[in-house]
Amino acid sequence: MGLLLWLVFGACVGGVAKWFLPGRLPDGWLITIGLGVVGSFAGGLPFGGHPAGWIASVIGACACLFAYSIWSQDR
């Protein structure tokens, strides 16, 4: 059950992060969920490595999406 909640949370956070970032970003719901979950942990690093709340999770997911978009353009 916990994994399902993380996937739903990651999808929501990733979707909000895509909405905030301008321009064309890599599409795909698996990438959105994965980067949303990674962004949640990245946003929580300043707080002792614990999963962050909504705001820090969205900021972390925006950073992850931005880095992924730069990396995917170089391939």
Protein backbone atom coordinates (compact mmCIF):
# COMPACT_ATOMS: atom_id res chain seq x y z
CA MET A 1 0.00 0.00 0.00
CA GLY A 2 2.86 2.37 0.75
CA LEU A 3 4.36 1.89 -2.71
CA LEU A 4 1.03 2.72 -4.34
CA LEU A 5 0.77 5.93 -2.31
CA TRP A 6 4.32 6.92 -3.34
CA LEU A 7 3.42 6.35 -7.00
CA VAL A 8 0.28 8.47 -6.73
CA PHE A 9 2.17 11.20 -4.85
CA GLY A 10 4.97 11.07 -7.43
CA ALA A 11 2.49 11.38 -10.29
CA CYS A 12 0.86 14.41 -8.68
CA VAL A 13 4.14 16.12 -7.84
CA GLY A 14 5.60 15.34 -11.28
CA GLY A 15 2.50 16.71 -13.00
CA VAL A 16 2.62 19.93 -11.00
CA ALA A 17 6.34 20.27 -11.74
CA LYS A 18 5.70 19.84 -15.48
CA TRP A 19 3.04 22.51 -15.27
CA PHE A 20 5.50 24.97 -13.66
CA LEU A 21 8.35 24.43 -16.13
CA PRO A 22 8.02 26.22 -19.48
CA GLY A 23 8.71 24.65 -22.87
CA ARG A 24 8.53 21.10 -24.12
CA LEU A 25 9.65 18.53 -21.58
CA PRO A 26 10.16 14.80 -22.00
CA ASP A 27 6.75 13.17 -22.06
CA GLY A 28 5.66 9.94 -20.50
CA TRP A 29 3.85 9.13 -17.33
CA LEU A 30 6.52 6.71 -16.10
CA ILE A 31 9.16 9.44 -16.32
CA THR A 32 6.78 11.88 -14.62
CA ILE A 33 6.12 9.48 -11.73
CA GLY A 34 9.78 8.52 -11.37
CA LEU A 35 11.01 12.10 -11.39
CA GLY A 36 8.23 13.11 -9.00
CA VAL A 37 9.29 10.47 -6.48
CA VAL A 38 12.99 11.31 -6.95
CA GLY A 39 12.13 15.00 -6.62
CA SER A 40 10.35 14.34 -3.35
CA PHE A 41 13.46 12.74 -1.91
CA ALA A 42 15.71 15.42 -3.44
CA GLY A 43 13.52 18.10 -1.89
CA GLY A 44 13.78 16.33 1.47
CA LEU A 45 17.58 16.14 1.54
CA PRO A 46 17.95 19.47 3.38
CA PHE A 47 15.52 18.10 5.98
CA GLY A 48 17.59 15.09 6.95
CA GLY A 49 16.79 12.89 3.97
CA HIS A 50 13.12 12.43 4.85
CA PRO A 51 10.44 12.76 2.18
CA ALA A 52 9.43 16.39 1.93
CA GLY A 53 6.06 18.12 1.90
CA TRP A 54 4.32 19.34 -1.22
CA ILE A 55 6.29 22.55 -1.76
CA ALA A 56 9.75 21.04 -1.32
CA SER A 57 8.69 18.01 -3.36
CA VAL A 58 7.56 20.18 -6.28
CA ILE A 59 10.79 22.19 -6.11
CA GLY A 60 12.83 18.99 -6.11
CA ALA A 61 10.76 17.54 -8.98
CA CYS A 62 11.22 20.76 -11.00
CA ALA A 63 14.96 20.47 -10.50
CA CYS A 64 14.90 16.80 -11.53
CA LEU A 65 12.76 17.50 -14.61
CA PHE A 66 15.03 20.37 -15.63
CA ALA A 67 18.14 18.22 -15.25
CA TYR A 68 16.48 15.37 -17.15
CA SER A 69 15.44 17.67 -19.99
CA ILE A 70 19.03 18.92 -20.35
CA TRP A 71 20.39 15.37 -20.20
CA SER A 72 17.88 14.03 -22.73
CA GLN A 73 18.72 16.79 -25.24
CA ASP A 74 22.40 15.83 -25.17
CA ARG A 75 21.71 12.20 -26.12
